[in-house]
Protein backbone atom coordinates (compact mmCIF):
# COMPACT_ATOMS: atom_id res chain seq x y z
CA MET A 1 56.88 282.32 168.24
CA GLY A 2 55.57 285.52 166.72
CA ARG A 3 58.96 287.18 166.78
CA ALA A 4 60.62 284.16 165.23
CA TYR A 5 58.16 284.25 162.36
CA GLN A 6 58.58 287.99 161.86
CA ASN A 7 62.38 287.70 161.97
CA ARG A 8 62.25 285.18 159.15
CA LYS A 9 59.91 287.32 157.08
CA ASP A 10 62.01 290.44 157.66
CA SER A 11 65.26 288.76 156.65
CA MET A 12 63.60 287.34 153.56
CA ALA A 13 62.29 290.78 152.65
CA LYS A 14 65.78 292.22 152.94
CA THR A 15 67.13 289.79 150.38
CA ALA A 16 64.07 289.40 148.14
CA ASN A 17 64.65 289.74 144.42
CA ALA A 18 62.92 292.06 142.00
CA LYS A 19 59.18 291.87 141.41
CA THR A 20 59.69 289.68 138.36
CA LYS A 21 60.97 286.90 140.62
CA VAL A 22 57.86 287.21 142.80
CA TYR A 23 55.61 287.11 139.74
CA SER A 24 57.43 284.06 138.38
CA LYS A 25 57.15 282.28 141.73
CA TYR A 26 53.41 282.85 142.01
CA GLY A 27 52.82 282.05 138.34
CA LYS A 28 54.52 278.68 138.68
CA GLU A 29 52.78 277.81 141.95
CA ILE A 30 49.33 278.85 140.69
CA TYR A 31 49.88 276.76 137.56
CA VAL A 32 50.80 273.67 139.61
CA VAL A 33 47.94 274.03 142.11
CA ALA A 34 45.40 274.69 139.35
CA LYS A 35 46.66 271.81 137.22
CA ASN A 36 46.47 269.39 140.14
CA GLY A 37 43.21 270.57 141.71
CA GLY A 38 41.32 272.39 138.96
CA SER A 39 41.44 275.99 137.77
CA ASP A 40 38.15 277.05 139.42
CA PRO A 41 39.05 278.74 142.75
CA ASP A 42 35.52 278.08 144.08
CA GLY A 43 36.20 274.36 143.88
CA ASN A 44 39.90 274.46 144.72
CA LEU A 45 40.48 275.98 148.17
CA ALA A 46 44.26 275.80 147.84
CA LEU A 47 44.08 277.77 144.61
CA ARG A 48 41.74 280.35 146.10
CA SER A 49 44.06 280.94 149.04
CA LEU A 50 47.10 281.15 146.76
CA MET A 51 45.36 283.68 144.50
CA ASP A 52 44.43 285.78 147.54
CA ARG A 53 48.08 285.84 148.64
CA ALA A 54 49.23 286.71 145.13
CA LYS A 55 46.86 289.67 144.99
CA LYS A 56 48.09 290.90 148.39
CA ASP A 57 51.63 290.74 147.03
CA GLN A 58 50.44 292.87 144.11
CA VAL A 59 50.90 290.22 141.45
CA PRO A 60 49.27 291.57 138.26
CA ALA A 61 45.97 290.03 137.18
CA HIS A 62 47.43 288.97 133.82
CA VAL A 63 50.12 286.87 135.55
CA ILE A 64 47.44 284.99 137.49
CA LYS A 65 45.22 284.62 134.42
CA ASN A 66 48.06 283.31 132.26
CA ALA A 67 48.89 280.66 134.86
CA LEU A 68 45.25 279.58 135.11
CA ASP A 69 44.84 279.47 131.32
CA LYS A 70 48.00 277.42 131.01
CA ALA A 71 46.76 274.93 133.61
CA ALA A 72 43.31 274.71 132.01
CA GLY A 73 44.93 273.99 128.66
CA GLY A 74 46.32 270.74 130.00
CA GLY A 75 49.78 271.17 128.49
CA GLY A 76 52.88 272.90 129.78
CA GLU A 77 55.63 271.82 132.08
CA ASP A 78 55.43 269.01 134.58
CA TYR A 79 56.67 270.57 137.82
CA SER A 80 57.28 268.58 140.98
CA PRO A 81 58.18 269.76 144.50
CA ALA A 82 61.71 269.32 145.83
CA ARG A 83 62.96 270.14 149.32
CA TYR A 84 66.59 270.57 150.38
CA GLU A 85 67.86 271.02 153.91
CA GLY A 86 71.15 271.91 155.46
CA PHE A 87 73.31 274.22 157.52
CA GLY A 88 73.90 277.78 156.41
CA PRO A 89 76.45 280.38 157.50
CA GLY A 90 77.05 280.39 161.25
CA SER A 91 75.51 276.89 161.45
CA CYS A 92 71.96 278.21 161.07
CA MET A 93 69.35 275.72 159.88
CA VAL A 94 67.91 276.11 156.37
CA ILE A 95 65.02 274.57 154.42
CA VAL A 96 64.77 275.31 150.68
CA ASP A 97 61.49 274.50 148.90
CA CYS A 98 61.53 274.30 145.11
CA LEU A 99 59.27 273.54 142.17
CA THR A 100 61.21 271.99 139.34
CA ASP A 101 60.89 270.33 135.95
CA ASN A 102 64.54 269.24 136.08
CA ASN A 103 65.75 267.79 139.37
CA ASN A 104 69.37 267.56 138.24
CA ARG A 105 69.49 271.28 137.42
CA THR A 106 67.80 272.25 140.66
CA ILE A 107 69.99 270.24 143.01
CA MET A 108 73.10 271.50 141.22
CA GLU A 109 72.02 275.14 141.59
CA VAL A 110 70.99 274.78 145.23
CA ARG A 111 74.12 272.83 146.13
CA ASN A 112 76.21 275.57 144.50
CA CYS A 113 74.62 278.15 146.82
CA PHE A 114 75.63 276.09 149.84
CA THR A 115 79.12 275.32 148.58
CA LYS A 116 80.05 278.89 147.63
CA THR A 117 79.09 280.23 151.07
CA ASN A 118 80.89 277.54 153.08
CA SER A 119 77.53 276.03 153.98
CA LYS A 120 76.60 272.36 153.99
CA ILE A 121 73.63 270.73 152.31
CA GLY A 122 72.33 267.83 154.37
CA ALA A 123 70.11 264.79 154.13
CA GLN A 124 66.34 264.99 154.22
CA GLY A 125 65.27 265.71 157.79
CA SER A 126 68.60 267.20 158.84
CA ALA A 127 67.03 270.62 159.46
CA ALA A 128 63.27 270.07 159.40
CA HIS A 129 63.27 268.50 162.85
CA MET A 130 64.20 271.95 164.24
CA PHE A 131 61.08 273.56 162.70
CA ASP A 132 57.34 273.32 163.21
CA HIS A 133 55.21 273.05 160.05
CA LEU A 134 52.37 275.44 160.84
CA ALA A 135 49.48 277.41 159.43
CA VAL A 136 49.99 281.08 160.35
CA PHE A 137 47.38 283.84 160.42
CA VAL A 138 47.96 287.44 161.51
CA PHE A 139 45.22 290.08 161.74
CA ASP A 140 44.17 293.15 163.72
CA GLY A 141 43.02 292.52 167.26
CA ASP A 142 43.89 292.57 170.94
CA ASP A 143 41.91 289.71 172.52
CA ASP A 144 43.72 286.42 172.13
CA GLU A 145 41.39 284.63 174.57
CA ALA A 146 38.31 285.44 172.48
CA VAL A 147 40.05 284.22 169.32
CA LEU A 148 41.15 281.01 171.02
CA GLU A 149 37.65 280.39 172.34
CA ALA A 150 36.12 280.91 168.89
CA LEU A 151 38.52 278.43 167.34
CA MET A 152 37.97 275.88 170.08
CA MET A 153 34.19 276.22 169.72
CA ALA A 154 34.67 275.48 166.01
CA ASP A 155 36.62 272.34 166.99
CA VAL A 156 39.82 273.61 165.39
CA ASP A 157 43.17 272.29 166.59
CA VAL A 158 45.27 275.32 167.60
CA THR A 159 48.95 275.40 168.56
CA ASP A 160 49.13 278.96 169.92
CA VAL A 161 47.45 282.37 169.85
CA GLU A 162 49.45 285.53 170.62
CA VAL A 163 48.79 289.26 170.75
CA GLU A 164 51.51 291.82 170.12
CA ASP A 165 51.29 295.47 169.05
CA GLY A 166 47.61 295.27 168.14
CA LYS A 167 48.03 292.13 166.04
CA VAL A 168 46.71 288.64 166.75
CA SER A 169 48.85 285.74 165.53
CA VAL A 170 47.27 282.29 165.26
CA TYR A 171 49.40 279.18 164.84
CA ALA A 172 47.92 275.76 164.04
CA PRO A 173 49.06 272.47 162.48
CA HIS A 174 49.47 272.98 158.74
CA THR A 175 46.65 270.51 158.08
CA GLU A 176 44.26 272.87 159.89
CA PHE A 177 44.84 275.84 157.53
CA TYR A 178 41.38 275.90 155.94
CA ASN A 179 39.60 275.06 159.19
CA VAL A 180 41.27 278.01 160.93
CA LYS A 181 40.54 280.39 158.08
CA THR A 182 36.89 279.31 157.80
CA ALA A 183 36.35 279.58 161.58
CA LEU A 184 37.90 283.06 161.78
CA GLN A 185 35.89 284.31 158.81
CA ALA A 186 32.70 282.96 160.37
CA GLU A 187 33.45 284.58 163.74
CA TYR A 188 34.75 287.93 162.48
CA GLU A 189 32.78 289.22 159.51
CA GLY A 190 34.95 291.07 157.00
CA ILE A 191 38.22 289.97 158.64
CA GLU A 192 41.34 290.83 156.65
CA PHE A 193 44.51 288.83 157.14
CA ASP A 194 47.94 290.47 157.11
CA VAL A 195 49.35 286.95 156.87
CA GLU A 196 47.69 283.68 155.83
CA ASP A 197 50.41 281.19 155.17
CA ILE A 198 51.70 277.67 155.69
CA SER A 199 55.26 277.99 156.90
CA TRP A 200 58.17 276.26 158.61
CA LEU A 201 58.83 278.10 161.88
CA PRO A 202 62.05 277.42 163.81
CA THR A 203 61.78 276.10 167.35
CA THR A 204 65.10 277.76 168.28
CA MET A 205 67.03 280.64 166.74
CA THR A 206 70.70 280.94 165.79
CA THR A 207 72.23 284.40 166.25
CA LEU A 208 74.61 285.47 163.49
CA THR A 209 77.27 288.14 163.98
CA GLY A 210 80.16 289.69 162.06
CA ASP A 211 81.20 288.06 158.80
CA ASP A 212 78.50 285.39 159.13
CA VAL A 213 75.84 288.06 158.54
CA VAL A 214 77.49 289.17 155.29
CA VAL A 215 77.89 285.61 154.06
CA PHE A 216 74.31 284.77 155.05
CA GLU A 217 72.97 287.67 152.98
CA LYS A 218 75.03 286.46 150.01
CA PHE A 219 73.66 282.95 150.58
CA MET A 220 70.08 284.22 150.56
CA ASP A 221 70.67 286.33 147.45
CA MET A 222 72.07 283.31 145.63
CA LEU A 223 69.12 281.11 146.60
CA ASN A 224 66.62 283.78 145.58
CA ASP A 225 68.36 284.00 142.20
CA CYS A 226 67.69 280.31 141.56
CA GLU A 227 64.80 279.95 139.14
CA ASP A 228 63.31 276.90 140.87
CA VAL A 229 63.48 278.14 144.49
CA GLN A 230 60.04 279.04 145.83
CA GLU A 231 60.63 279.56 149.56
CA VAL A 232 63.58 279.62 151.95
CA TYR A 233 63.07 279.04 155.67
CA HIS A 234 65.79 279.49 158.28
CA ASN A 235 66.40 280.06 161.98
CA ALA A 236 68.94 282.89 161.65
CA GLU A 237 68.54 286.12 163.56
CA PHE A 238 70.82 289.13 163.91
CA GLU A 239 71.96 291.17 166.88
CA ASP A 240 70.39 294.63 167.08
């Protein structure tokens, strides 16, 4: 499972847009989370976690502050989540998560990405059934049994714990995100997470070769260029 997660992150990194896209993504998400749950991170755990991730991704403080101020002001756009699923180049599975204030614009832009790369957008659930919706934590360590025991003692539901190259990866149902984080912080004082995320992880991978790789990279670039796209999950991997 660890490799599958890393493959997805690596392929996303290869096709990620400029920093301004990252800043825009975090600004929009922080605004939505703060507007829905309050702009005080001490009372809004989802906001606190999101702000921590934004800082790790080197999002400037003024971008975060502007989003919080906008949410506290009570005005601004009314964003809602939208999820699209389908089959990408080489028949890989794809999930596209968006935040939008105009559903017609968003579906048209996302559908265009599929159409222009000979991909096929599908019905809701057409791809998600091939993914697990999990909380993912990665941090320094080499004792998976001790980590698993600590989580079990804290009565946390855990899917898997792995160790690879001096890193511990913890996977749990997405609903257990805050329970896992709290338990790990209580057990390991000063712990720093390389990854703390809620993600869709594929249960099987699809290997792309030849022209499919080129088209897939174009597909990812097009999706990342869409203003409303927040995250793209897929099960594509490439031959070494």
